[in-house]
PDB file of all heavy atoms in Angstrom:
ATOM      1  N   ALA A   1      92.212  87.634  66.773  1.00  0.00           N
ATOM      2  CA  ALA A   1      91.457  86.422  66.635  1.00  0.00           C
ATOM      3  C   ALA A   1      91.869  85.638  65.399  1.00  0.00           C
ATOM      4  O   ALA A   1      91.736  84.394  65.374  1.00  0.00           O
ATOM      5  CB  ALA A   1      89.960  86.758  66.553  1.00  0.00           C
ATOM      6  N   LEU A   2      92.395  86.334  64.411  1.00  0.00           N
ATOM      7  CA  LEU A   2      92.826  85.655  63.191  1.00  0.00           C
ATOM      8  C   LEU A   2      94.260  85.146  63.221  1.00  0.00           C
ATOM      9  O   LEU A   2      94.680  84.332  62.362  1.00  0.00           O
ATOM     10  CB  LEU A   2      92.658  86.608  61.977  1.00  0.00           C
ATOM     11  CG  LEU A   2      91.227  87.064  61.639  1.00  0.00           C
ATOM     12  CD1 LEU A   2      91.282  88.105  60.521  1.00  0.00           C
ATOM     13  CD2 LEU A   2      90.369  85.890  61.261  1.00  0.00           C
ATOM     14  N   LEU A   3      95.007  85.624  64.227  1.00  0.00           N
ATOM     15  CA  LEU A   3      96.451  85.275  64.284  1.00  0.00           C
ATOM     16  C   LEU A   3      96.707  83.776  64.304  1.00  0.00           C
ATOM     17  O   LEU A   3      97.602  83.265  63.550  1.00  0.00           O
ATOM     18  CB  LEU A   3      97.103  85.947  65.451  1.00  0.00           C
ATOM     19  CG  LEU A   3      97.669  87.361  65.213  1.00  0.00           C
ATOM     20  CD1 LEU A   3      98.343  87.882  66.474  1.00  0.00           C
ATOM     21  CD2 LEU A   3      98.654  87.346  64.045  1.00  0.00           C
ATOM     22  N   PRO A   4      96.020  82.979  65.181  1.00  0.00           N
ATOM     23  CA  PRO A   4      96.350  81.538  65.195  1.00  0.00           C
ATOM     24  C   PRO A   4      96.096  80.857  63.836  1.00  0.00           C
ATOM     25  O   PRO A   4      96.649  79.768  63.649  1.00  0.00           O
ATOM     26  CB  PRO A   4      95.385  81.000  66.298  1.00  0.00           C
ATOM     27  CG  PRO A   4      95.079  82.151  67.110  1.00  0.00           C
ATOM     28  CD  PRO A   4      95.061  83.336  66.191  1.00  0.00           C
ATOM     29  N   LEU A   5      95.283  81.432  62.979  1.00  0.00           N
ATOM     30  CA  LEU A   5      95.017  80.814  61.720  1.00  0.00           C
ATOM     31  C   LEU A   5      96.193  80.951  60.720  1.00  0.00           C
ATOM     32  O   LEU A   5      96.369  80.121  59.812  1.00  0.00           O
ATOM     33  CB  LEU A   5      93.761  81.419  61.062  1.00  0.00           C
ATOM     34  CG  LEU A   5      92.480  81.340  61.926  1.00  0.00           C
ATOM     35  CD1 LEU A   5      91.326  82.015  61.200  1.00  0.00           C
ATOM     36  CD2 LEU A   5      92.140  79.891  62.222  1.00  0.00           C
ATOM     37  N   VAL A   6      97.043  81.977  60.977  1.00  0.00           N
ATOM     38  CA  VAL A   6      98.164  82.219  60.076  1.00  0.00           C
ATOM     39  C   VAL A   6      99.495  82.025  60.766  1.00  0.00           C
ATOM     40  O   VAL A   6     100.528  81.893  60.100  1.00  0.00           O
ATOM     41  CB  VAL A   6      98.081  83.665  59.492  1.00  0.00           C
ATOM     42  CG1 VAL A   6      96.836  83.772  58.657  1.00  0.00           C
ATOM     43  CG2 VAL A   6      98.085  84.699  60.587  1.00  0.00           C
ATOM     44  N   LEU A   7      99.479  82.034  62.110  1.00  0.00           N
ATOM     45  CA  LEU A   7     100.718  81.918  62.868  1.00  0.00           C
ATOM     46  C   LEU A   7     100.900  80.457  63.264  1.00  0.00           C
ATOM     47  O   LEU A   7     100.208  79.936  64.136  1.00  0.00           O
ATOM     48  CB  LEU A   7     100.659  82.827  64.130  1.00  0.00           C
ATOM     49  CG  LEU A   7     101.978  83.028  64.849  1.00  0.00           C
ATOM     50  CD1 LEU A   7     102.959  83.835  63.953  1.00  0.00           C
ATOM     51  CD2 LEU A   7     101.689  83.836  66.134  1.00  0.00           C
ATOM     52  N   LYS A   8     101.875  79.808  62.666  1.00  0.00           N
ATOM     53  CA  LYS A   8     102.073  78.392  62.896  1.00  0.00           C
ATOM     54  C   LYS A   8     103.245  78.098  63.884  1.00  0.00           C
ATOM     55  O   LYS A   8     103.386  76.948  64.338  1.00  0.00           O
ATOM     56  CB  LYS A   8     102.404  77.693  61.578  1.00  0.00           C
ATOM     57  CG  LYS A   8     101.286  77.837  60.529  1.00  0.00           C
ATOM     58  CD  LYS A   8      99.952  77.323  61.004  1.00  0.00           C
ATOM     59  CE  LYS A   8      98.861  77.489  59.940  1.00  0.00           C
ATOM     60  NZ  LYS A   8      97.553  77.071  60.449  1.00  0.00           N
ATOM     61  N   ASP A   9     104.018  79.111  64.252  1.00  0.00           N
ATOM     62  CA  ASP A   9     105.147  78.950  65.120  1.00  0.00           C
ATOM     63  C   ASP A   9     104.628  78.825  66.593  1.00  0.00           C
ATOM     64  O   ASP A   9     104.095  79.821  67.138  1.00  0.00           O
ATOM     65  CB  ASP A   9     106.097  80.094  64.987  1.00  0.00           C
ATOM     66  CG  ASP A   9     107.424  79.842  65.745  1.00  0.00           C
ATOM     67  OD1 ASP A   9     107.427  78.979  66.623  1.00  0.00           O
ATOM     68  OD2 ASP A   9     108.422  80.524  65.409  1.00  0.00           O
ATOM     69  N   PRO A  10     104.763  77.707  67.248  1.00  0.00           N
ATOM     70  CA  PRO A  10     104.257  77.562  68.629  1.00  0.00           C
ATOM     71  C   PRO A  10     104.948  78.466  69.615  1.00  0.00           C
ATOM     72  O   PRO A  10     104.369  78.914  70.595  1.00  0.00           O
ATOM     73  CB  PRO A  10     104.473  76.076  68.970  1.00  0.00           C
ATOM     74  CG  PRO A  10     105.538  75.617  68.002  1.00  0.00           C
ATOM     75  CD  PRO A  10     105.350  76.403  66.779  1.00  0.00           C
ATOM     76  N   TYR A  11     106.230  78.801  69.352  1.00  0.00           N
ATOM     77  CA  TYR A  11     106.967  79.704  70.216  1.00  0.00           C
ATOM     78  C   TYR A  11     106.354  81.082  70.223  1.00  0.00           C
ATOM     79  O   TYR A  11     106.153  81.692  71.278  1.00  0.00           O
ATOM     80  CB  TYR A  11     108.438  79.789  69.771  1.00  0.00           C
ATOM     81  CG  TYR A  11     109.230  80.824  70.477  1.00  0.00           C
ATOM     82  CD1 TYR A  11     109.618  80.623  71.829  1.00  0.00           C
ATOM     83  CD2 TYR A  11     109.611  81.991  69.808  1.00  0.00           C
ATOM     84  CE1 TYR A  11     110.360  81.618  72.484  1.00  0.00           C
ATOM     85  CE2 TYR A  11     110.361  82.982  70.513  1.00  0.00           C
ATOM     86  CZ  TYR A  11     110.734  82.761  71.817  1.00  0.00           C
ATOM     87  OH  TYR A  11     111.455  83.721  72.479  1.00  0.00           O
ATOM     88  N   LEU A  12     106.016  81.569  69.073  1.00  0.00           N
ATOM     89  CA  LEU A  12     105.412  82.936  68.950  1.00  0.00           C
ATOM     90  C   LEU A  12     104.008  82.918  69.569  1.00  0.00           C
ATOM     91  O   LEU A  12     103.621  83.902  70.218  1.00  0.00           O
ATOM     92  CB  LEU A  12     105.340  83.392  67.519  1.00  0.00           C
ATOM     93  CG  LEU A  12     106.696  83.602  66.820  1.00  0.00           C
ATOM     94  CD1 LEU A  12     106.519  84.000  65.380  1.00  0.00           C
ATOM     95  CD2 LEU A  12     107.516  84.694  67.556  1.00  0.00           C
ATOM     96  N   LEU A  13     103.294  81.842  69.393  1.00  0.00           N
ATOM     97  CA  LEU A  13     101.941  81.759  69.969  1.00  0.00           C
ATOM     98  C   LEU A  13     102.013  81.727  71.493  1.00  0.00           C
ATOM     99  O   LEU A  13     101.207  82.344  72.168  1.00  0.00           O
ATOM    100  CB  LEU A  13     101.235  80.504  69.430  1.00  0.00           C
ATOM    101  CG  LEU A  13      99.718  80.485  69.580  1.00  0.00           C
ATOM    102  CD1 LEU A  13      99.045  81.693  68.942  1.00  0.00           C
ATOM    103  CD2 LEU A  13      99.155  79.172  68.982  1.00  0.00           C
ATOM    104  N   ASN A  14     103.007  80.995  72.007  1.00  0.00           N
ATOM    105  CA  ASN A  14     103.219  80.962  73.458  1.00  0.00           C
ATOM    106  C   ASN A  14     103.524  82.362  73.994  1.00  0.00           C
ATOM    107  O   ASN A  14     103.074  82.770  75.049  1.00  0.00           O
ATOM    108  CB  ASN A  14     104.379  80.029  73.781  1.00  0.00           C
ATOM    109  CG  ASN A  14     104.739  80.025  75.238  1.00  0.00           C
ATOM    110  OD1 ASN A  14     104.025  79.524  76.084  1.00  0.00           O
ATOM    111  ND2 ASN A  14     105.876  80.652  75.585  1.00  0.00           N
ATOM    112  N   ALA A  15     104.348  83.117  73.228  1.00  0.00           N
ATOM    113  CA  ALA A  15     104.688  84.510  73.630  1.00  0.00           C
ATOM    114  C   ALA A  15     103.419  85.378  73.663  1.00  0.00           C
ATOM    115  O   ALA A  15     103.274  86.226  74.548  1.00  0.00           O
ATOM    116  CB  ALA A  15     105.746  85.068  72.691  1.00  0.00           C
ATOM    117  N   LEU A  16     102.580  85.211  72.707  1.00  0.00           N
ATOM    118  CA  LEU A  16     101.348  85.985  72.639  1.00  0.00           C
ATOM    119  C   LEU A  16     100.446  85.638  73.808  1.00  0.00           C
ATOM    120  O   LEU A  16      99.786  86.519  74.398  1.00  0.00           O
ATOM    121  CB  LEU A  16     100.614  85.761  71.309  1.00  0.00           C
ATOM    122  CG  LEU A  16     101.205  86.419  70.060  1.00  0.00           C
ATOM    123  CD1 LEU A  16     100.511  85.978  68.839  1.00  0.00           C
ATOM    124  CD2 LEU A  16     101.147  87.935  70.223  1.00  0.00           C
ATOM    125  N   ILE A  17     100.372  84.368  74.174  1.00  0.00           N
ATOM    126  CA  ILE A  17      99.528  83.970  75.325  1.00  0.00           C
ATOM    127  C   ILE A  17     100.091  84.593  76.586  1.00  0.00           C
ATOM    128  O   ILE A  17      99.344  85.145  77.386  1.00  0.00           O
ATOM    129  CB  ILE A  17      99.503  82.442  75.415  1.00  0.00           C
ATOM    130  CG1 ILE A  17      98.786  81.806  74.242  1.00  0.00           C
ATOM    131  CG2 ILE A  17      98.764  82.007  76.731  1.00  0.00           C
ATOM    132  CD1 ILE A  17      98.899  80.330  74.148  1.00  0.00           C
ATOM    133  N   THR A  18     101.398  84.495  76.795  1.00  0.00           N
ATOM    134  CA  THR A  18     101.969  85.065  77.999  1.00  0.00           C
ATOM    135  C   THR A  18     101.805  86.580  78.036  1.00  0.00           C
ATOM    136  O   THR A  18     101.405  87.127  79.097  1.00  0.00           O
ATOM    137  CB  THR A  18     103.482  84.716  78.064  1.00  0.00           C
ATOM    138  OG1 THR A  18     103.661  83.289  77.958  1.00  0.00           O
ATOM    139  CG2 THR A  18     104.104  85.202  79.360  1.00  0.00           C
ATOM    140  N   GLY A  19     102.073  87.244  76.937  1.00  0.00           N
ATOM    141  CA  GLY A  19     101.889  88.681  76.888  1.00  0.00           C
ATOM    142  C   GLY A  19     100.415  89.074  77.124  1.00  0.00           C
ATOM    143  O   GLY A  19     100.161  90.065  77.808  1.00  0.00           O
ATOM    144  N   GLY A  20      99.507  88.263  76.578  1.00  0.00           N
ATOM    145  CA  GLY A  20      98.081  88.557  76.727  1.00  0.00           C
ATOM    146  C   GLY A  20      97.635  88.410  78.178  1.00  0.00           C
ATOM    147  O   GLY A  20      96.832  89.178  78.697  1.00  0.00           O
ATOM    148  N   ILE A  21      98.183  87.412  78.855  1.00  0.00           N
ATOM    149  CA  ILE A  21      97.818  87.203  80.251  1.00  0.00           C
ATOM    150  C   ILE A  21      98.228  88.427  81.099  1.00  0.00           C
ATOM    151  O   ILE A  21      97.447  88.923  81.920  1.00  0.00           O
ATOM    152  CB  ILE A  21      98.510  85.942  80.817  1.00  0.00           C
ATOM    153  CG1 ILE A  21      97.853  84.693  80.192  1.00  0.00           C
ATOM    154  CG2 ILE A  21      98.378  85.867  82.344  1.00  0.00           C
ATOM    155  CD1 ILE A  21      98.564  83.380  80.525  1.00  0.00           C
ATOM    156  N   PHE A  22      99.429  88.969  80.865  1.00  0.00           N
ATOM    157  CA  PHE A  22      99.835  90.130  81.599  1.00  0.00           C
ATOM    158  C   PHE A  22      99.134  91.419  81.092  1.00  0.00           C
ATOM    159  O   PHE A  22      99.073  92.373  81.866  1.00  0.00           O
ATOM    160  CB  PHE A  22     101.359  90.266  81.514  1.00  0.00           C
ATOM    161  CG  PHE A  22     102.072  89.312  82.440  1.00  0.00           C
ATOM    162  CD1 PHE A  22     102.653  88.142  81.964  1.00  0.00           C
ATOM    163  CD2 PHE A  22     102.158  89.531  83.798  1.00  0.00           C
ATOM    164  CE1 PHE A  22     103.247  87.242  82.782  1.00  0.00           C
ATOM    165  CE2 PHE A  22     102.773  88.645  84.654  1.00  0.00           C
ATOM    166  CZ  PHE A  22     103.338  87.476  84.139  1.00  0.00           C
ATOM    167  N   THR A  23      98.671  91.378  79.878  1.00  0.00           N
ATOM    168  CA  THR A  23      97.828  92.522  79.440  1.00  0.00           C
ATOM    169  C   THR A  23      96.532  92.577  80.195  1.00  0.00           C
ATOM    170  O   THR A  23      96.028  93.659  80.525  1.00  0.00           O
ATOM    171  CB  THR A  23      97.567  92.402  77.926  1.00  0.00           C
ATOM    172  OG1 THR A  23      98.819  92.433  77.208  1.00  0.00           O
ATOM    173  CG2 THR A  23      96.694  93.545  77.438  1.00  0.00           C
ATOM    174  N   ILE A  24      95.939  91.405  80.531  1.00  0.00           N
ATOM    175  CA  ILE A  24      94.750  91.367  81.372  1.00  0.00           C
ATOM    176  C   ILE A  24      95.074  91.986  82.738  1.00  0.00           C
ATOM    177  O   ILE A  24      94.305  92.790  83.277  1.00  0.00           O
ATOM    178  CB  ILE A  24      94.245  89.916  81.552  1.00  0.00           C
ATOM    179  CG1 ILE A  24      93.835  89.357  80.178  1.00  0.00           C
ATOM    180  CG2 ILE A  24      93.070  89.880  82.497  1.00  0.00           C
ATOM    181  CD1 ILE A  24      93.479  87.848  80.252  1.00  0.00           C
ATOM    182  N   GLY A  25      96.235  91.633  83.293  1.00  0.00           N
ATOM    183  CA  GLY A  25      96.677  92.281  84.502  1.00  0.00           C
ATOM    184  C   GLY A  25      96.814  93.771  84.384  1.00  0.00           C
ATOM    185  O   GLY A  25      96.485  94.510  85.295  1.00  0.00           O
ATOM    186  N   ALA A  26      97.374  94.235  83.231  1.00  0.00           N
ATOM    187  CA  ALA A  26      97.486  95.675  83.004  1.00  0.00           C
ATOM    188  C   ALA A  26      96.138  96.358  82.911  1.00  0.00           C
ATOM    189  O   ALA A  26      95.952  97.460  83.380  1.00  0.00           O
ATOM    190  CB  ALA A  26      98.306  95.867  81.731  1.00  0.00           C
ATOM    191  N   ILE A  27      95.140  95.693  82.288  1.00  0.00           N
ATOM    192  CA  ILE A  27      93.804  96.256  82.201  1.00  0.00           C
ATOM    193  C   ILE A  27      93.231  96.443  83.583  1.00  0.00           C
ATOM    194  O   ILE A  27      92.589  97.466  83.902  1.00  0.00           O
ATOM    195  CB  ILE A  27      92.894  95.350  81.370  1.00  0.00           C
ATOM    196  CG1 ILE A  27      93.311  95.362  79.916  1.00  0.00           C
ATOM    197  CG2 ILE A  27      91.422  95.743  81.493  1.00  0.00           C
ATOM    198  CD1 ILE A  27      92.563  94.313  79.012  1.00  0.00           C
ATOM    199  N   SER A  28      93.479  95.445  84.446  1.00  0.00           N
ATOM    200  CA  SER A  28      92.999  95.573  85.836  1.00  0.00           C
ATOM    201  C   SER A  28      93.720  96.708  86.587  1.00  0.00           C
ATOM    202  O   SER A  28      93.106  97.463  87.359  1.00  0.00           O
ATOM    203  CB  SER A  28      93.156  94.252  86.593  1.00  0.00           C
ATOM    204  OG  SER A  28      94.531  93.974  86.842  1.00  0.00           O
ATOM    205  N   LEU A  29      95.039  96.827  86.400  1.00  0.00           N
ATOM    206  CA  LEU A  29      95.774  97.880  87.064  1.00  0.00           C
ATOM    207  C   LEU A  29      95.324  99.232  86.576  1.00  0.00           C
ATOM    208  O   LEU A  29      95.317 100.207  87.342  1.00  0.00           O
ATOM    209  CB  LEU A  29      97.278  97.666  86.828  1.00  0.00           C
ATOM    210  CG  LEU A  29      98.245  98.709  87.450  1.00  0.00           C
ATOM    211  CD1 LEU A  29      98.068  98.724  88.982  1.00  0.00           C
ATOM    212  CD2 LEU A  29      99.672  98.388  87.099  1.00  0.00           C
ATOM    213  N   ASN A  30      94.979  99.387  85.290  1.00  0.00           N
ATOM    214  CA  ASN A  30      94.559 100.671  84.747  1.00  0.00           C
ATOM    215  C   ASN A  30      93.323 101.178  85.408  1.00  0.00           C
ATOM    216  O   ASN A  30      93.086 102.376  85.508  1.00  0.00           O
ATOM    217  CB  ASN A  30      94.305 100.502  83.222  1.00  0.00           C
ATOM    218  CG  ASN A  30      94.054 101.812  82.557  1.00  0.00           C
ATOM    219  OD1 ASN A  30      94.721 102.809  82.806  1.00  0.00           O
ATOM    220  ND2 ASN A  30      93.044 101.863  81.689  1.00  0.00           N
ATOM    221  N   LEU A  31      92.481 100.216  85.935  1.00  0.00           N
ATOM    222  CA  LEU A  31      91.271 100.698  86.633  1.00  0.00           C
ATOM    223  C   LEU A  31      91.645 101.510  87.888  1.00  0.00           C
ATOM    224  O   LEU A  31      90.969 102.478  88.217  1.00  0.00           O
ATOM    225  CB  LEU A  31      90.430  99.454  87.040  1.00  0.00           C
ATOM    226  CG  LEU A  31      89.090  99.735  87.662  1.00  0.00           C
ATOM    227  CD1 LEU A  31      88.181 100.477  86.713  1.00  0.00           C
ATOM    228  CD2 LEU A  31      88.448  98.447  88.125  1.00  0.00           C
ATOM    229  N   LEU A  32      92.740 101.081  88.551  1.00  0.00           N
ATOM    230  CA  LEU A  32      93.163 101.816  89.720  1.00  0.00           C
ATOM    231  C   LEU A  32      94.021 103.004  89.350  1.00  0.00           C
ATOM    232  O   LEU A  32      93.762 104.176  89.738  1.00  0.00           O
ATOM    233  CB  LEU A  32      93.963 100.906  90.645  1.00  0.00           C
ATOM    234  CG  LEU A  32      93.226 100.071  91.718  1.00  0.00           C
ATOM    235  CD1 LEU A  32      94.220  99.318  92.547  1.00  0.00           C
ATOM    236  CD2 LEU A  32      92.381 100.995  92.605  1.00  0.00           C
ATOM    237  N   LEU A  33      95.082 102.787  88.599  1.00  0.00           N
ATOM    238  CA  LEU A  33      96.038 103.829  88.315  1.00  0.00           C
ATOM    239  C   LEU A  33      95.470 104.848  87.353  1.00  0.00           C
ATOM    240  O   LEU A  33      95.705 106.051  87.529  1.00  0.00           O
ATOM    241  CB  LEU A  33      97.312 103.177  87.681  1.00  0.00           C
ATOM    242  CG  LEU A  33      98.430 104.134  87.255  1.00  0.00           C
ATOM    243  CD1 LEU A  33      98.928 104.942  88.441  1.00  0.00           C
ATOM    244  CD2 LEU A  33      99.578 103.328  86.656  1.00  0.00           C
ATOM    245  N   GLY A  34      94.729 104.398  86.357  1.00  0.00           N
ATOM    246  CA  GLY A  34      94.249 105.326  85.335  1.00  0.00           C
ATOM    247  C   GLY A  34      93.000 106.116  85.730  1.00  0.00           C
ATOM    248  O   GLY A  34      92.852 107.249  85.327  1.00  0.00           O
ATOM    249  N   TYR A  35      92.107 105.526  86.505  1.00  0.00           N
ATOM    250  CA  TYR A  35      90.842 106.141  86.803  1.00  0.00           C
ATOM    251  C   TYR A  35      90.673 106.629  88.234  1.00  0.00           C
ATOM    252  O   TYR A  35      89.718 107.378  88.519  1.00  0.00           O
ATOM    253  CB  TYR A  35      89.700 105.194  86.395  1.00  0.00           C
ATOM    254  CG  TYR A  35      89.677 104.945  84.946  1.00  0.00           C
ATOM    255  CD1 TYR A  35      90.196 103.803  84.397  1.00  0.00           C
ATOM    256  CD2 TYR A  35      89.109 105.874  84.064  1.00  0.00           C
ATOM    257  CE1 TYR A  35      90.183 103.589  83.007  1.00  0.00           C
ATOM    258  CE2 TYR A  35      89.060 105.677  82.715  1.00  0.00           C
ATOM    259  CZ  TYR A  35      89.626 104.537  82.168  1.00  0.00           C
ATOM    260  OH  TYR A  35      89.601 104.319  80.806  1.00  0.00           O
ATOM    261  N   THR A  36      91.488 106.171  89.172  1.00  0.00           N
ATOM    262  CA  THR A  36      91.439 106.714  90.513  1.00  0.00           C
ATOM    263  C   THR A  36      92.740 107.384  90.898  1.00  0.00           C
ATOM    264  O   THR A  36      92.781 108.097  91.905  1.00  0.00           O
ATOM    265  CB  THR A  36      91.175 105.562  91.556  1.00  0.00           C
ATOM    266  OG1 THR A  36      92.313 104.698  91.611  1.00  0.00           O
ATOM    267  CG2 THR A  36      89.944 104.771  91.168  1.00  0.00           C
ATOM    268  N   GLY A  37      93.794 107.178  90.105  1.00  0.00           N
ATOM    269  CA  GLY A  37      95.073 107.815  90.410  1.00  0.00           C
ATOM    270  C   GLY A  37      95.849 107.141  91.499  1.00  0.00           C
ATOM    271  O   GLY A  37      96.870 107.690  91.980  1.00  0.00           O
ATOM    272  N   GLN A  38      95.464 105.952  91.920  1.00  0.00           N
ATOM    273  CA  GLN A  38      96.128 105.217  92.983  1.00  0.00           C
ATOM    274  C   GLN A  38      97.113 104.175  92.400  1.00  0.00           C
ATOM    275  O   GLN A  38      96.672 103.309  91.707  1.00  0.00           O
ATOM    276  CB  GLN A  38      95.114 104.528  93.908  1.00  0.00           C
ATOM    277  CG  GLN A  38      94.109 105.474  94.524  1.00  0.00           C
ATOM    278  CD  GLN A  38      94.747 106.470  95.441  1.00  0.00           C
ATOM    279  OE1 GLN A  38      95.667 106.163  96.228  1.00  0.00           O
ATOM    280  NE2 GLN A  38      94.242 107.722  95.382  1.00  0.00           N
ATOM    281  N   LEU A  39      98.395 104.357  92.659  1.00  0.00           N
ATOM    282  CA  LEU A  39      99.392 103.455  92.171  1.00  0.00           C
ATOM    283  C   LEU A  39      99.581 102.252  93.116  1.00  0.00           C
ATOM    284  O   LEU A  39      99.945 102.454  94.266  1.00  0.00           O
ATOM    285  CB  LEU A  39     100.733 104.196  91.998  1.00  0.00           C
ATOM    286  CG  LEU A  39     101.918 103.345  91.552  1.00  0.00           C
ATOM    287  CD1 LEU A  39     101.670 102.654  90.225  1.00  0.00           C
ATOM    288  CD2 LEU A  39     103.197 104.166  91.477  1.00  0.00           C
ATOM    289  N   SER A  40      99.330 101.059  92.598  1.00  0.00           N
ATOM    290  CA  SER A  40      99.548  99.848  93.351  1.00  0.00           C
ATOM    291  C   SER A  40     100.783  99.136  92.857  1.00  0.00           C
ATOM    292  O   SER A  40     100.750  98.614  91.728  1.00  0.00           O
ATOM    293  CB  SER A  40      98.305  98.930  93.243  1.00  0.00           C
ATOM    294  OG  SER A  40      98.584  97.650  93.818  1.00  0.00           O
ATOM    295  N   LEU A  41     101.844  99.117  93.634  1.00  0.00           N
ATOM    296  CA  LEU A  41     103.045  98.409  93.242  1.00  0.00           C
ATOM    297  C   LEU A  41     103.088  96.978  93.821  1.00  0.00           C
ATOM    298  O   LEU A  41     104.096  96.321  93.752  1.00  0.00           O
ATOM    299  CB  LEU A  41     104.292  99.172  93.677  1.00  0.00           C
ATOM    300  CG  LEU A  41     104.568 100.469  92.876  1.00  0.00           C
ATOM    301  CD1 LEU A  41     105.873 101.124  93.354  1.00  0.00           C
ATOM    302  CD2 LEU A  41     104.689 100.165  91.356  1.00  0.00           C
ATOM    303  N   GLY A  42     101.944  96.571  94.338  1.00  0.00           N
ATOM    304  CA  GLY A  42     101.848  95.185  94.833  1.00  0.00           C
ATOM    305  C   GLY A  42     100.765  94.432  94.089  1.00  0.00           C
ATOM    306  O   GLY A  42     100.222  93.434  94.597  1.00  0.00           O
TER     307      GLY A  42
END
């Protein structure tokens, strides 16, 4: 939450946004793979 206050490079901020979006996807996948053991490759 504090990063945008000190990070002025728009390229790095863009990378964090993109990585964060796919981290949300990883959180959703963990619900299946991590807690039910079902691997979804789609």
